[in-house]
Amino acid sequence: MGYFITFEGVEGCGKTTQIKMLSELLSARGIHTHLTREPGGCPIADKIRAILLDAENRALAPLSELMLYAAARAQHVSEVIIPALSSGKVVLCDRFCDATTAYQSFGRCIDRGVIDTLNSHACQGVYPDLTVLFDCDPAIGLDRARRRIEASSGPREERFELEALAFHQRVRAGYLQLAAENPDRFLIMNGAESIDDIFSALSTQILTRIPETQRGIC
């Protein structure tokens, strides 16, 4: 089996920049790597992503939102993650089941037991070996995220960026609680530091944790 690393954090925390840099580093070192994301990661899940992140869908009910995330994850796990891990790759995923707990339980206040049950079914027994949490003040992160959206020529995936600051503060608290509950799995990075400083610390940590069996030459 491969090695599964997930990247988590509030909007604008810097995780997407770091995961791309890490993917390039690992590939350059001959480590078989697959970079993916949630929601999305495969054609069917990408279509669900378009619904979930479109600001025109702000009337989407919290329970409907939760079910859509579970559906996208089930497809992604079956079609992408399980095959990649089975082939021995290091899978880097931009968000996974911890995001659902942080956003839909702590953020939306849906009962955590409901979310844990849905995550269990959608993940199909696949859980991260390591989760990197980029901790960041939500106010700073939202400012970064909104500037990124304004500069982008792609779809305006901003439904969550339009939520109140209090929502994102609950999400951050949720992530920190998950990290406290799972200290052996979580690695917390300071998302307020510079991109280069974060990546220097991150890459050092990751390279020491990836098992030798994943270090084959491509």
C-alpha atoms as a PDB file:
ATOM      1  CA  MET A   1       0.000   0.000   0.000  1.00  0.00           C
ATOM      2  CA  GLY A   2       0.978   3.603  -0.473  1.00  0.00           C
ATOM      3  CA  TYR A   3       1.070   6.486   1.974  1.00  0.00           C
ATOM      4  CA  PHE A   4      -1.848   8.919   2.330  1.00  0.00           C
ATOM      5  CA  ILE A   5      -1.227  12.577   3.284  1.00  0.00           C
ATOM      6  CA  THR A   6      -4.039  15.115   3.558  1.00  0.00           C
ATOM      7  CA  PHE A   7      -3.745  18.893   3.764  1.00  0.00           C
ATOM      8  CA  GLU A   8      -6.313  20.845   5.795  1.00  0.00           C
ATOM      9  CA  GLY A   9      -7.069  24.366   6.984  1.00  0.00           C
ATOM     10  CA  VAL A  10      -9.410  27.333   6.723  1.00  0.00           C
ATOM     11  CA  GLU A  11      -9.865  29.295   3.498  1.00  0.00           C
ATOM     12  CA  GLY A  12      -6.674  31.057   2.422  1.00  0.00           C
ATOM     13  CA  CYS A  13      -4.408  29.168   4.821  1.00  0.00           C
ATOM     14  CA  GLY A  14      -1.873  28.393   2.073  1.00  0.00           C
ATOM     15  CA  LYS A  15      -2.350  24.618   1.885  1.00  0.00           C
ATOM     16  CA  THR A  16      -2.970  24.487  -1.880  1.00  0.00           C
ATOM     17  CA  THR A  17       0.278  26.315  -2.630  1.00  0.00           C
ATOM     18  CA  GLN A  18       2.209  24.030  -0.284  1.00  0.00           C
ATOM     19  CA  ILE A  19       0.699  20.782  -1.563  1.00  0.00           C
ATOM     20  CA  LYS A  20       1.648  21.655  -5.148  1.00  0.00           C
ATOM     21  CA  MET A  21       5.201  22.482  -4.111  1.00  0.00           C
ATOM     22  CA  LEU A  22       5.451  19.249  -2.134  1.00  0.00           C
ATOM     23  CA  SER A  23       4.155  17.198  -5.063  1.00  0.00           C
ATOM     24  CA  GLU A  24       6.837  18.683  -7.313  1.00  0.00           C
ATOM     25  CA  LEU A  25       9.551  18.000  -4.729  1.00  0.00           C
ATOM     26  CA  LEU A  26       8.544  14.374  -4.166  1.00  0.00           C
ATOM     27  CA  SER A  27       8.270  13.673  -7.882  1.00  0.00           C
ATOM     28  CA  ALA A  28      11.705  15.227  -8.461  1.00  0.00           C
ATOM     29  CA  ARG A  29      13.101  12.862  -5.837  1.00  0.00           C
ATOM     30  CA  GLY A  30      11.682   9.829  -7.621  1.00  0.00           C
ATOM     31  CA  ILE A  31       8.819   9.246  -5.209  1.00  0.00           C
ATOM     32  CA  HIS A  32       5.684   7.987  -6.935  1.00  0.00           C
ATOM     33  CA  THR A  33       3.124  10.672  -6.129  1.00  0.00           C
ATOM     34  CA  HIS A  34      -0.507  11.398  -6.966  1.00  0.00           C
ATOM     35  CA  LEU A  35      -1.894  14.889  -6.280  1.00  0.00           C
ATOM     36  CA  THR A  36      -5.657  15.250  -5.878  1.00  0.00           C
ATOM     37  CA  ARG A  37      -8.268  17.353  -4.116  1.00  0.00           C
ATOM     38  CA  GLU A  38     -11.702  17.431  -2.501  1.00  0.00           C
ATOM     39  CA  PRO A  39     -14.373  18.069  -3.327  1.00  0.00           C
ATOM     40  CA  GLY A  40     -13.497  16.749  -6.770  1.00  0.00           C
ATOM     41  CA  GLY A  41     -10.550  14.704  -7.949  1.00  0.00           C
ATOM     42  CA  CYS A  42     -12.438  12.817 -10.671  1.00  0.00           C
ATOM     43  CA  PRO A  43     -15.068  13.800 -13.289  1.00  0.00           C
ATOM     44  CA  ILE A  44     -18.182  12.914 -11.287  1.00  0.00           C
ATOM     45  CA  ALA A  45     -16.877  14.462  -8.059  1.00  0.00           C
ATOM     46  CA  ASP A  46     -15.800  17.576  -9.985  1.00  0.00           C
ATOM     47  CA  LYS A  47     -19.399  18.073 -11.098  1.00  0.00           C
ATOM     48  CA  ILE A  48     -20.499  17.894  -7.465  1.00  0.00           C
ATOM     49  CA  ARG A  49     -17.725  20.373  -6.570  1.00  0.00           C
ATOM     50  CA  ALA A  50     -19.209  22.875  -8.999  1.00  0.00           C
ATOM     51  CA  ILE A  51     -22.512  22.718  -7.103  1.00  0.00           C
ATOM     52  CA  LEU A  52     -20.937  22.922  -3.659  1.00  0.00           C
ATOM     53  CA  LEU A  53     -18.676  25.911  -4.284  1.00  0.00           C
ATOM     54  CA  ASP A  54     -20.886  28.020  -6.556  1.00  0.00           C
ATOM     55  CA  ALA A  55     -21.975  31.153  -4.686  1.00  0.00           C
ATOM     56  CA  GLU A  56     -25.302  31.061  -6.517  1.00  0.00           C
ATOM     57  CA  ASN A  57     -26.153  27.990  -4.429  1.00  0.00           C
ATOM     58  CA  ARG A  58     -26.136  29.741  -1.054  1.00  0.00           C
ATOM     59  CA  ALA A  59     -29.634  28.363  -0.399  1.00  0.00           C
ATOM     60  CA  LEU A  60     -28.189  24.829  -0.260  1.00  0.00           C
ATOM     61  CA  ALA A  61     -29.384  23.279   3.013  1.00  0.00           C
ATOM     62  CA  PRO A  62     -26.648  22.126   5.435  1.00  0.00           C
ATOM     63  CA  LEU A  63     -27.813  18.504   5.285  1.00  0.00           C
ATOM     64  CA  SER A  64     -27.905  18.589   1.472  1.00  0.00           C
ATOM     65  CA  GLU A  65     -24.400  20.054   1.505  1.00  0.00           C
ATOM     66  CA  LEU A  66     -23.204  17.252   3.769  1.00  0.00           C
ATOM     67  CA  MET A  67     -24.720  14.536   1.567  1.00  0.00           C
ATOM     68  CA  LEU A  68     -23.118  16.016  -1.543  1.00  0.00           C
ATOM     69  CA  TYR A  69     -19.700  16.006   0.120  1.00  0.00           C
ATOM     70  CA  ALA A  70     -20.172  12.361   1.100  1.00  0.00           C
ATOM     71  CA  ALA A  71     -21.226  11.421  -2.429  1.00  0.00           C
ATOM     72  CA  ALA A  72     -18.242  13.189  -3.979  1.00  0.00           C
ATOM     73  CA  ARG A  73     -15.887  11.536  -1.490  1.00  0.00           C
ATOM     74  CA  ALA A  74     -17.253   8.045  -2.071  1.00  0.00           C
ATOM     75  CA  GLN A  75     -16.672   8.410  -5.821  1.00  0.00           C
ATOM     76  CA  HIS A  76     -13.228   9.953  -5.344  1.00  0.00           C
ATOM     77  CA  VAL A  77     -12.093   7.249  -2.930  1.00  0.00           C
ATOM     78  CA  SER A  78     -13.315   4.451  -5.206  1.00  0.00           C
ATOM     79  CA  GLU A  79     -12.067   5.883  -8.480  1.00  0.00           C
ATOM     80  CA  VAL A  80      -8.838   7.625  -7.474  1.00  0.00           C
ATOM     81  CA  ILE A  81      -7.527   7.171  -3.939  1.00  0.00           C
ATOM     82  CA  ILE A  82      -7.842   3.414  -3.491  1.00  0.00           C
ATOM     83  CA  PRO A  83      -6.239   2.618  -6.885  1.00  0.00           C
ATOM     84  CA  ALA A  84      -3.387   5.074  -6.261  1.00  0.00           C
ATOM     85  CA  LEU A  85      -2.652   3.695  -2.795  1.00  0.00           C
ATOM     86  CA  SER A  86      -2.936   0.115  -4.058  1.00  0.00           C
ATOM     87  CA  SER A  87      -0.238   0.881  -6.638  1.00  0.00           C
ATOM     88  CA  GLY A  88       2.087   2.082  -3.872  1.00  0.00           C
ATOM     89  CA  LYS A  89       1.919   5.818  -4.514  1.00  0.00           C
ATOM     90  CA  VAL A  90       2.127   8.648  -2.015  1.00  0.00           C
ATOM     91  CA  VAL A  91      -1.285  10.316  -2.318  1.00  0.00           C
ATOM     92  CA  LEU A  92      -1.455  14.025  -1.517  1.00  0.00           C
ATOM     93  CA  CYS A  93      -5.041  15.204  -1.064  1.00  0.00           C
ATOM     94  CA  ASP A  94      -6.100  18.842  -0.666  1.00  0.00           C
ATOM     95  CA  ARG A  95      -8.842  18.322   1.977  1.00  0.00           C
ATOM     96  CA  PHE A  96     -10.476  15.054   3.031  1.00  0.00           C
ATOM     97  CA  CYS A  97     -12.823  13.839   5.765  1.00  0.00           C
ATOM     98  CA  ASP A  98     -11.484  16.173   8.478  1.00  0.00           C
ATOM     99  CA  ALA A  99     -12.731  19.090   6.383  1.00  0.00           C
ATOM    100  CA  THR A 100     -16.263  17.701   6.549  1.00  0.00           C
ATOM    101  CA  THR A 101     -16.066  17.427  10.319  1.00  0.00           C
ATOM    102  CA  ALA A 102     -14.626  20.937  10.691  1.00  0.00           C
ATOM    103  CA  TYR A 103     -16.951  22.662   8.236  1.00  0.00           C
ATOM    104  CA  GLN A 104     -20.201  20.736   8.529  1.00  0.00           C
ATOM    105  CA  SER A 105     -20.078  19.797  12.226  1.00  0.00           C
ATOM    106  CA  PHE A 106     -18.245  22.695  13.875  1.00  0.00           C
ATOM    107  CA  GLY A 107     -19.149  25.243  11.188  1.00  0.00           C
ATOM    108  CA  ARG A 108     -22.727  24.204  10.345  1.00  0.00           C
ATOM    109  CA  CYS A 109     -23.465  22.615  13.756  1.00  0.00           C
ATOM    110  CA  ILE A 110     -24.627  19.281  12.301  1.00  0.00           C
ATOM    111  CA  ASP A 111     -24.421  16.458  14.839  1.00  0.00           C
ATOM    112  CA  ARG A 112     -20.927  14.996  14.698  1.00  0.00           C
ATOM    113  CA  GLY A 113     -22.217  11.449  15.009  1.00  0.00           C
ATOM    114  CA  VAL A 114     -24.106  11.845  11.737  1.00  0.00           C
ATOM    115  CA  ILE A 115     -20.984  13.138  10.027  1.00  0.00           C
ATOM    116  CA  ASP A 116     -18.768  10.396  11.466  1.00  0.00           C
ATOM    117  CA  THR A 117     -21.167   7.764  10.122  1.00  0.00           C
ATOM    118  CA  LEU A 118     -21.266   9.309   6.655  1.00  0.00           C
ATOM    119  CA  ASN A 119     -17.491   9.727   6.594  1.00  0.00           C
ATOM    120  CA  SER A 120     -17.085   6.082   7.570  1.00  0.00           C
ATOM    121  CA  HIS A 121     -19.180   4.943   4.607  1.00  0.00           C
ATOM    122  CA  ALA A 122     -17.669   7.400   2.116  1.00  0.00           C
ATOM    123  CA  CYS A 123     -14.046   6.711   3.109  1.00  0.00           C
ATOM    124  CA  GLN A 124     -14.504   2.938   2.725  1.00  0.00           C
ATOM    125  CA  GLY A 125     -11.838   2.180   5.309  1.00  0.00           C
ATOM    126  CA  VAL A 126      -9.325   4.640   3.842  1.00  0.00           C
ATOM    127  CA  TYR A 127      -7.983   7.235   6.288  1.00  0.00           C
ATOM    128  CA  PRO A 128      -4.914   9.509   6.214  1.00  0.00           C
ATOM    129  CA  ASP A 129      -1.578   8.307   7.501  1.00  0.00           C
ATOM    130  CA  LEU A 130      -0.664  11.955   8.074  1.00  0.00           C
ATOM    131  CA  THR A 131      -2.727  15.158   8.098  1.00  0.00           C
ATOM    132  CA  VAL A 132      -1.000  18.528   7.748  1.00  0.00           C
ATOM    133  CA  LEU A 133      -3.047  21.344   9.283  1.00  0.00           C
ATOM    134  CA  PHE A 134      -2.144  24.887   8.228  1.00  0.00           C
ATOM    135  CA  ASP A 135      -3.365  26.964  11.151  1.00  0.00           C
ATOM    136  CA  CYS A 136      -4.225  30.511  10.229  1.00  0.00           C
ATOM    137  CA  ASP A 137      -6.272  33.427  11.587  1.00  0.00           C
ATOM    138  CA  PRO A 138      -9.511  33.170   9.561  1.00  0.00           C
ATOM    139  CA  ALA A 139      -9.608  36.940   8.971  1.00  0.00           C
ATOM    140  CA  ILE A 140      -6.177  36.805   7.327  1.00  0.00           C
ATOM    141  CA  GLY A 141      -7.067  33.682   5.388  1.00  0.00           C
ATOM    142  CA  LEU A 142     -10.315  35.130   4.066  1.00  0.00           C
ATOM    143  CA  ASP A 143      -8.532  38.244   2.859  1.00  0.00           C
ATOM    144  CA  ARG A 144      -6.023  36.079   0.972  1.00  0.00           C
ATOM    145  CA  ALA A 145      -8.775  33.876  -0.458  1.00  0.00           C
ATOM    146  CA  ARG A 146     -10.847  36.816  -1.680  1.00  0.00           C
ATOM    147  CA  ARG A 147      -7.835  38.410  -3.350  1.00  0.00           C
ATOM    148  CA  ARG A 148      -7.076  35.079  -5.061  1.00  0.00           C
ATOM    149  CA  ILE A 149     -10.654  34.788  -6.317  1.00  0.00           C
ATOM    150  CA  GLU A 150     -10.616  38.339  -7.718  1.00  0.00           C
ATOM    151  CA  ALA A 151      -7.354  37.624  -9.559  1.00  0.00           C
ATOM    152  CA  SER A 152      -8.566  34.324 -11.003  1.00  0.00           C
ATOM    153  CA  SER A 153     -10.094  33.945 -14.454  1.00  0.00           C
ATOM    154  CA  GLY A 154     -11.663  30.594 -13.553  1.00  0.00           C
ATOM    155  CA  PRO A 155     -14.981  29.762 -11.851  1.00  0.00           C
ATOM    156  CA  ARG A 156     -15.730  31.895  -8.784  1.00  0.00           C
ATOM    157  CA  GLU A 157     -15.647  29.134  -6.171  1.00  0.00           C
ATOM    158  CA  GLU A 158     -16.559  31.424  -3.297  1.00  0.00           C
ATOM    159  CA  ARG A 159     -19.637  30.053  -1.535  1.00  0.00           C
ATOM    160  CA  PHE A 160     -17.665  29.462   1.678  1.00  0.00           C
ATOM    161  CA  GLU A 161     -15.674  32.685   1.424  1.00  0.00           C
ATOM    162  CA  LEU A 162     -19.008  34.536   1.627  1.00  0.00           C
ATOM    163  CA  GLU A 163     -19.794  33.014   5.039  1.00  0.00           C
ATOM    164  CA  ALA A 164     -19.499  35.213   8.133  1.00  0.00           C
ATOM    165  CA  LEU A 165     -16.194  35.392   9.978  1.00  0.00           C
ATOM    166  CA  ALA A 166     -17.780  33.606  12.965  1.00  0.00           C
ATOM    167  CA  PHE A 167     -18.396  30.558  10.780  1.00  0.00           C
ATOM    168  CA  HIS A 168     -14.725  30.359   9.816  1.00  0.00           C
ATOM    169  CA  GLN A 169     -13.672  30.852  13.430  1.00  0.00           C
ATOM    170  CA  ARG A 170     -15.759  27.804  14.373  1.00  0.00           C
ATOM    171  CA  VAL A 171     -14.128  25.849  11.555  1.00  0.00           C
ATOM    172  CA  ARG A 172     -10.665  26.770  12.814  1.00  0.00           C
ATOM    173  CA  ALA A 173     -11.603  25.736  16.357  1.00  0.00           C
ATOM    174  CA  GLY A 174     -12.889  22.452  14.957  1.00  0.00           C
ATOM    175  CA  TYR A 175      -9.640  21.738  13.172  1.00  0.00           C
ATOM    176  CA  LEU A 176      -7.624  22.456  16.303  1.00  0.00           C
ATOM    177  CA  GLN A 177      -9.865  20.146  18.316  1.00  0.00           C
ATOM    178  CA  LEU A 178      -9.408  17.360  15.748  1.00  0.00           C
ATOM    179  CA  ALA A 179      -5.644  17.854  15.943  1.00  0.00           C
ATOM    180  CA  ALA A 180      -5.775  17.633  19.739  1.00  0.00           C
ATOM    181  CA  GLU A 181      -7.817  14.419  19.484  1.00  0.00           C
ATOM    182  CA  ASN A 182      -5.389  12.866  16.966  1.00  0.00           C
ATOM    183  CA  PRO A 183      -1.902  14.139  17.867  1.00  0.00           C
ATOM    184  CA  ASP A 184      -0.105  11.189  16.254  1.00  0.00           C
ATOM    185  CA  ARG A 185      -1.731  11.874  12.881  1.00  0.00           C
ATOM    186  CA  PHE A 186      -1.745  15.681  12.757  1.00  0.00           C
ATOM    187  CA  LEU A 187       1.181  17.922  11.929  1.00  0.00           C
ATOM    188  CA  ILE A 188       0.378  21.596  12.590  1.00  0.00           C
ATOM    189  CA  MET A 189       2.105  24.265  10.501  1.00  0.00           C
ATOM    190  CA  ASN A 190       1.943  28.013  11.137  1.00  0.00           C
ATOM    191  CA  GLY A 191       0.075  29.367   8.118  1.00  0.00           C
ATOM    192  CA  ALA A 192       1.091  32.955   8.979  1.00  0.00           C
ATOM    193  CA  GLU A 193       4.745  32.352   8.075  1.00  0.00           C
ATOM    194  CA  SER A 194       6.211  32.985   4.615  1.00  0.00           C
ATOM    195  CA  ILE A 195       5.661  30.444   1.819  1.00  0.00           C
ATOM    196  CA  ASP A 196       9.363  29.533   1.755  1.00  0.00           C
ATOM    197  CA  ASP A 197       9.662  29.153   5.524  1.00  0.00           C
ATOM    198  CA  ILE A 198       6.569  26.957   5.677  1.00  0.00           C
ATOM    199  CA  PHE A 199       7.775  24.790   2.822  1.00  0.00           C
ATOM    200  CA  SER A 200      11.240  24.359   4.334  1.00  0.00           C
ATOM    201  CA  ALA A 201       9.761  23.062   7.590  1.00  0.00           C
ATOM    202  CA  LEU A 202       7.062  21.044   5.843  1.00  0.00           C
ATOM    203  CA  SER A 203       9.340  19.266   3.386  1.00  0.00           C
ATOM    204  CA  THR A 204      11.772  18.310   6.150  1.00  0.00           C
ATOM    205  CA  GLN A 205       8.945  16.774   8.182  1.00  0.00           C
ATOM    206  CA  ILE A 206       7.391  14.948   5.228  1.00  0.00           C
ATOM    207  CA  LEU A 207      10.623  13.450   3.931  1.00  0.00           C
ATOM    208  CA  THR A 208      11.373  11.938   7.330  1.00  0.00           C
ATOM    209  CA  ARG A 209       7.891  10.388   7.594  1.00  0.00           C
ATOM    210  CA  ILE A 210       7.435   8.780   4.185  1.00  0.00           C
ATOM    211  CA  PRO A 211       8.248   5.057   4.495  1.00  0.00           C
ATOM    212  CA  GLU A 212      11.284   3.717   2.661  1.00  0.00           C
ATOM    213  CA  THR A 213       9.019   1.481   0.584  1.00  0.00           C
ATOM    214  CA  GLN A 214       7.595   4.581  -1.129  1.00  0.00           C
ATOM    215  CA  ARG A 215      10.999   5.902  -2.163  1.00  0.00           C
ATOM    216  CA  GLY A 216      11.392   4.024  -5.425  1.00  0.00           C
ATOM    217  CA  ILE A 217      12.802   5.714  -8.493  1.00  0.00           C
ATOM    218  CA  CYS A 218      10.200   6.627 -11.156  1.00  0.00           C
END
